[in-house]
């Protein structure tokens, strides 16, 4: 509730804007989940499950065996552990030759 002497009282959104409690109740049951889905990367990853790959991400590279691909992430197994890489973070993928 807005009081012209004290400003908004009690409730603030993530931008620091005040709002009434009634607005919160109206929005409580509504959840929107938004994902940037890249069908080309996902389908390509699915086609090479089981292969040894190099993934270049925005944070560096990961080498290992691709063990699973989901619409939002891939699972890469490496000697040091298992990596779950968000598809949004992948820059490029290199399939290593199986010698």
N, C-alpha and C. Protein backbone atom coordinates (compact mmCIF):
# COMPACT_ATOMS: atom_id res chain seq x y z
N UNK A 1 0.83 -1.16 0.00
CA UNK A 1 0.00 0.00 0.00
C UNK A 1 0.89 1.24 0.00
N UNK A 2 0.50 2.25 -0.73
CA UNK A 2 1.31 3.45 -0.86
C UNK A 2 0.82 4.52 0.11
N UNK A 3 1.73 5.05 0.87
CA UNK A 3 1.46 6.18 1.76
C UNK A 3 2.34 7.31 1.27
N UNK A 4 1.74 8.45 0.92
CA UNK A 4 2.54 9.52 0.30
C UNK A 4 3.63 10.06 1.21
N UNK A 5 3.53 9.82 2.52
CA UNK A 5 4.57 10.29 3.45
C UNK A 5 5.67 9.25 3.65
N UNK A 6 5.31 7.95 3.56
CA UNK A 6 6.29 6.90 3.85
C UNK A 6 6.61 6.03 2.64
N UNK A 7 5.94 6.22 1.50
CA UNK A 7 6.19 5.41 0.32
C UNK A 7 5.46 4.08 0.41
N UNK A 8 5.94 3.10 -0.34
CA UNK A 8 5.31 1.77 -0.35
C UNK A 8 5.62 1.05 0.96
N UNK A 9 4.62 0.36 1.48
CA UNK A 9 4.76 -0.34 2.75
C UNK A 9 4.74 -1.85 2.56
N UNK A 10 5.78 -2.53 2.94
CA UNK A 10 5.74 -3.98 3.09
C UNK A 10 6.18 -4.85 1.95
N UNK A 11 5.71 -4.67 0.74
CA UNK A 11 5.96 -5.62 -0.34
C UNK A 11 6.70 -4.94 -1.49
N UNK A 12 7.74 -5.62 -1.98
CA UNK A 12 8.53 -5.08 -3.08
C UNK A 12 8.82 -6.20 -4.09
N UNK A 13 8.83 -5.85 -5.36
CA UNK A 13 9.20 -6.84 -6.37
C UNK A 13 10.72 -6.82 -6.54
N UNK A 14 11.25 -7.63 -7.48
CA UNK A 14 12.70 -7.72 -7.65
C UNK A 14 13.32 -6.45 -8.22
N UNK A 15 12.51 -5.49 -8.65
CA UNK A 15 13.03 -4.20 -9.13
C UNK A 15 12.96 -3.14 -8.04
N UNK A 16 12.49 -3.52 -6.85
CA UNK A 16 12.38 -2.57 -5.75
C UNK A 16 11.11 -1.74 -5.80
N UNK A 17 10.17 -2.10 -6.69
CA UNK A 17 8.91 -1.38 -6.80
C UNK A 17 7.91 -1.94 -5.79
N UNK A 18 7.20 -1.07 -5.13
CA UNK A 18 6.20 -1.52 -4.16
C UNK A 18 4.93 -1.98 -4.85
N UNK A 19 4.18 -2.86 -4.19
CA UNK A 19 2.90 -3.31 -4.72
C UNK A 19 2.00 -3.76 -3.59
N UNK A 20 0.71 -3.81 -3.84
CA UNK A 20 -0.25 -4.21 -2.84
C UNK A 20 -0.26 -5.72 -2.67
N UNK A 21 -0.64 -6.19 -1.48
CA UNK A 21 -0.68 -7.62 -1.17
C UNK A 21 -1.69 -8.35 -2.04
N UNK A 22 -2.78 -7.71 -2.44
CA UNK A 22 -3.79 -8.36 -3.29
C UNK A 22 -3.19 -8.81 -4.62
N UNK A 23 -2.27 -8.05 -5.17
CA UNK A 23 -1.63 -8.42 -6.42
C UNK A 23 -0.84 -9.72 -6.28
N UNK A 24 -0.23 -9.92 -5.12
CA UNK A 24 0.52 -11.14 -4.86
C UNK A 24 -0.42 -12.34 -4.87
N UNK A 25 -1.56 -12.24 -4.22
CA UNK A 25 -2.52 -13.34 -4.16
C UNK A 25 -3.01 -13.72 -5.55
N UNK A 26 -3.23 -12.75 -6.40
CA UNK A 26 -3.72 -13.03 -7.75
C UNK A 26 -2.67 -13.75 -8.58
N UNK A 27 -1.40 -13.52 -8.31
CA UNK A 27 -0.34 -14.10 -9.12
C UNK A 27 0.26 -15.37 -8.53
N UNK A 28 -0.13 -15.75 -7.30
CA UNK A 28 0.50 -16.89 -6.63
C UNK A 28 0.40 -18.19 -7.41
N UNK A 29 -0.74 -18.49 -8.04
CA UNK A 29 -0.92 -19.75 -8.73
C UNK A 29 -0.34 -19.78 -10.13
N UNK A 30 0.17 -18.68 -10.61
CA UNK A 30 0.67 -18.59 -11.98
C UNK A 30 2.20 -18.66 -11.99
N UNK A 31 2.71 -19.71 -12.64
CA UNK A 31 4.15 -19.86 -12.76
C UNK A 31 4.48 -20.03 -14.24
N UNK A 32 5.41 -19.26 -14.71
CA UNK A 32 5.82 -19.36 -16.11
C UNK A 32 7.27 -19.77 -16.14
N UNK A 33 7.56 -20.89 -16.82
CA UNK A 33 8.92 -21.41 -16.94
C UNK A 33 9.36 -21.20 -18.38
N UNK A 34 10.42 -20.44 -18.57
CA UNK A 34 10.89 -20.12 -19.91
C UNK A 34 12.30 -20.69 -20.09
N UNK A 35 12.48 -21.45 -21.18
CA UNK A 35 13.78 -22.04 -21.49
C UNK A 35 14.08 -21.75 -22.95
N UNK A 36 15.29 -21.34 -23.21
CA UNK A 36 15.72 -21.19 -24.60
C UNK A 36 16.08 -22.57 -25.11
N UNK A 37 15.24 -23.15 -25.90
CA UNK A 37 15.41 -24.51 -26.42
C UNK A 37 16.06 -24.44 -27.79
N UNK A 38 17.18 -25.14 -27.95
CA UNK A 38 17.86 -25.17 -29.23
C UNK A 38 17.74 -26.59 -29.79
N UNK A 39 16.74 -26.85 -30.62
CA UNK A 39 16.50 -28.21 -31.09
C UNK A 39 17.66 -28.79 -31.90
N UNK A 40 18.43 -27.97 -32.58
CA UNK A 40 19.54 -28.48 -33.39
C UNK A 40 20.66 -29.04 -32.51
N UNK A 41 21.03 -28.32 -31.47
CA UNK A 41 22.08 -28.81 -30.56
C UNK A 41 21.58 -30.05 -29.82
N UNK A 42 20.34 -30.02 -29.36
CA UNK A 42 19.77 -31.16 -28.64
C UNK A 42 19.73 -32.41 -29.51
N UNK A 43 19.22 -32.29 -30.73
CA UNK A 43 19.12 -33.44 -31.62
C UNK A 43 20.50 -33.96 -32.05
N UNK A 44 21.43 -33.06 -32.27
CA UNK A 44 22.79 -33.46 -32.62
C UNK A 44 23.43 -34.21 -31.45
N UNK A 45 23.26 -33.70 -30.25
CA UNK A 45 23.81 -34.36 -29.06
C UNK A 45 23.19 -35.75 -28.89
N UNK A 46 21.89 -35.87 -29.11
CA UNK A 46 21.25 -37.18 -28.99
C UNK A 46 21.84 -38.18 -29.99
N UNK A 47 22.21 -37.70 -31.16
CA UNK A 47 22.72 -38.59 -32.21
C UNK A 47 24.13 -39.10 -31.93
N UNK A 48 24.85 -38.48 -30.99
CA UNK A 48 26.23 -38.90 -30.70
C UNK A 48 26.40 -39.39 -29.25
N UNK A 49 25.29 -39.77 -28.60
CA UNK A 49 25.39 -40.33 -27.25
C UNK A 49 26.28 -41.57 -27.30
N UNK A 50 27.20 -41.67 -26.36
CA UNK A 50 28.16 -42.78 -26.31
C UNK A 50 29.50 -42.44 -26.92
N UNK A 51 29.58 -41.32 -27.63
CA UNK A 51 30.83 -40.90 -28.28
C UNK A 51 31.68 -40.06 -27.34
N UNK A 52 32.98 -40.03 -27.62
CA UNK A 52 33.88 -39.13 -26.90
C UNK A 52 33.84 -37.79 -27.59
N UNK A 53 33.62 -36.74 -26.81
CA UNK A 53 33.43 -35.40 -27.35
C UNK A 53 34.25 -34.37 -26.60
N UNK A 54 34.39 -33.22 -27.23
CA UNK A 54 34.92 -32.03 -26.57
C UNK A 54 33.82 -30.98 -26.67
N UNK A 55 33.43 -30.43 -25.53
CA UNK A 55 32.44 -29.36 -25.49
C UNK A 55 33.15 -28.08 -25.13
N UNK A 56 33.07 -27.08 -25.98
CA UNK A 56 33.56 -25.76 -25.63
C UNK A 56 32.39 -24.99 -25.06
N UNK A 57 32.53 -24.54 -23.82
CA UNK A 57 31.46 -23.76 -23.18
C UNK A 57 31.94 -22.33 -22.98
N UNK A 58 31.07 -21.51 -22.50
CA UNK A 58 31.43 -20.12 -22.23
C UNK A 58 32.45 -20.02 -21.10
N UNK A 59 32.63 -21.10 -20.32
CA UNK A 59 33.55 -21.11 -19.18
C UNK A 59 34.81 -21.94 -19.43
N UNK A 60 34.92 -22.60 -20.58
CA UNK A 60 36.08 -23.45 -20.87
C UNK A 60 35.64 -24.71 -21.58
N UNK A 61 36.55 -25.67 -21.70
CA UNK A 61 36.21 -26.90 -22.42
C UNK A 61 36.10 -28.08 -21.48
N UNK A 62 35.29 -29.06 -21.90
CA UNK A 62 35.10 -30.30 -21.15
C UNK A 62 35.23 -31.44 -22.15
N UNK A 63 36.08 -32.42 -21.83
CA UNK A 63 36.27 -33.61 -22.68
C UNK A 63 35.72 -34.81 -21.93
N UNK A 64 35.03 -35.67 -22.66
CA UNK A 64 34.53 -36.87 -22.04
C UNK A 64 33.54 -37.59 -22.92
N UNK A 65 32.93 -38.61 -22.36
CA UNK A 65 31.95 -39.43 -23.07
C UNK A 65 30.56 -38.88 -22.79
N UNK A 66 29.81 -38.62 -23.85
CA UNK A 66 28.44 -38.13 -23.70
C UNK A 66 27.56 -39.30 -23.30
N UNK A 67 26.94 -39.22 -22.11
CA UNK A 67 26.12 -40.34 -21.65
C UNK A 67 24.62 -40.04 -21.70
N UNK A 68 24.24 -38.76 -21.85
CA UNK A 68 22.82 -38.44 -21.96
C UNK A 68 22.67 -37.03 -22.52
N UNK A 69 21.53 -36.79 -23.17
CA UNK A 69 21.20 -35.45 -23.70
C UNK A 69 19.74 -35.16 -23.41
N UNK A 70 19.48 -34.04 -22.81
CA UNK A 70 18.14 -33.56 -22.50
C UNK A 70 17.94 -32.23 -23.22
N UNK A 71 16.69 -31.76 -23.35
CA UNK A 71 16.47 -30.50 -24.05
C UNK A 71 17.22 -29.30 -23.47
N UNK A 72 17.55 -29.34 -22.16
CA UNK A 72 18.21 -28.19 -21.54
C UNK A 72 19.64 -28.45 -21.10
N UNK A 73 20.11 -29.72 -21.11
CA UNK A 73 21.48 -30.01 -20.69
C UNK A 73 21.98 -31.33 -21.28
N UNK A 74 23.29 -31.50 -21.23
CA UNK A 74 23.91 -32.77 -21.61
C UNK A 74 24.68 -33.29 -20.40
N UNK A 75 24.89 -34.61 -20.37
CA UNK A 75 25.62 -35.24 -19.27
C UNK A 75 26.88 -35.86 -19.86
N UNK A 76 28.04 -35.42 -19.35
CA UNK A 76 29.33 -35.86 -19.86
C UNK A 76 30.08 -36.55 -18.73
N UNK A 77 30.54 -37.78 -19.01
CA UNK A 77 31.30 -38.55 -18.03
C UNK A 77 32.78 -38.41 -18.33
N UNK A 78 33.54 -38.13 -17.27
CA UNK A 78 34.98 -37.94 -17.38
C UNK A 78 35.61 -38.71 -16.23
N UNK A 79 36.89 -38.99 -16.31
CA UNK A 79 37.55 -39.72 -15.23
C UNK A 79 37.37 -39.03 -13.88
N UNK A 80 37.34 -37.72 -13.88
CA UNK A 80 37.23 -36.96 -12.63
C UNK A 80 35.80 -36.80 -12.12
N UNK A 81 34.82 -37.24 -12.87
CA UNK A 81 33.43 -37.09 -12.43
C UNK A 81 32.48 -36.94 -13.59
N UNK A 82 31.27 -36.55 -13.24
CA UNK A 82 30.21 -36.36 -14.23
C UNK A 82 29.86 -34.89 -14.30
N UNK A 83 29.77 -34.37 -15.52
CA UNK A 83 29.44 -32.97 -15.73
C UNK A 83 28.05 -32.85 -16.33
N UNK A 84 27.27 -31.91 -15.84
CA UNK A 84 25.97 -31.56 -16.39
C UNK A 84 26.13 -30.17 -16.99
N UNK A 85 26.09 -30.08 -18.31
CA UNK A 85 26.36 -28.82 -19.01
C UNK A 85 25.07 -28.30 -19.62
N UNK A 86 24.72 -27.07 -19.28
CA UNK A 86 23.54 -26.44 -19.88
C UNK A 86 23.77 -26.22 -21.37
N UNK A 87 22.81 -26.59 -22.18
CA UNK A 87 22.94 -26.41 -23.63
C UNK A 87 23.15 -24.94 -23.99
N UNK A 88 22.56 -24.04 -23.22
CA UNK A 88 22.74 -22.60 -23.48
C UNK A 88 24.19 -22.17 -23.33
N UNK A 89 25.00 -22.94 -22.60
CA UNK A 89 26.40 -22.58 -22.36
C UNK A 89 27.35 -23.16 -23.41
N UNK A 90 26.85 -24.05 -24.29
CA UNK A 90 27.70 -24.70 -25.28
C UNK A 90 27.95 -23.76 -26.46
N UNK A 91 29.24 -23.60 -26.81
CA UNK A 91 29.64 -22.78 -27.95
C UNK A 91 29.81 -23.67 -29.18
N UNK A 92 30.55 -24.78 -29.02
CA UNK A 92 30.69 -25.77 -30.09
C UNK A 92 30.97 -27.14 -29.50
N UNK A 93 30.79 -28.17 -30.36
CA UNK A 93 31.01 -29.56 -29.97
C UNK A 93 31.91 -30.21 -31.01
N UNK A 94 32.93 -30.94 -30.55
CA UNK A 94 33.83 -31.68 -31.44
C UNK A 94 33.73 -33.16 -31.10
N UNK A 95 33.42 -33.98 -32.10
CA UNK A 95 33.39 -35.43 -31.93
C UNK A 95 34.81 -35.92 -32.15
N UNK A 96 35.38 -36.60 -31.15
CA UNK A 96 36.74 -37.11 -31.28
C UNK A 96 36.73 -38.43 -32.03
N UNK A 97 37.75 -38.64 -32.86
CA UNK A 97 37.87 -39.90 -33.60
C UNK A 97 38.06 -41.06 -32.64
N UNK A 98 37.40 -42.18 -32.95
CA UNK A 98 37.52 -43.39 -32.14
C UNK A 98 38.64 -44.24 -32.71
N UNK A 99 39.87 -44.08 -32.23
CA UNK A 99 41.02 -44.86 -32.75
C UNK A 99 41.21 -46.12 -31.94
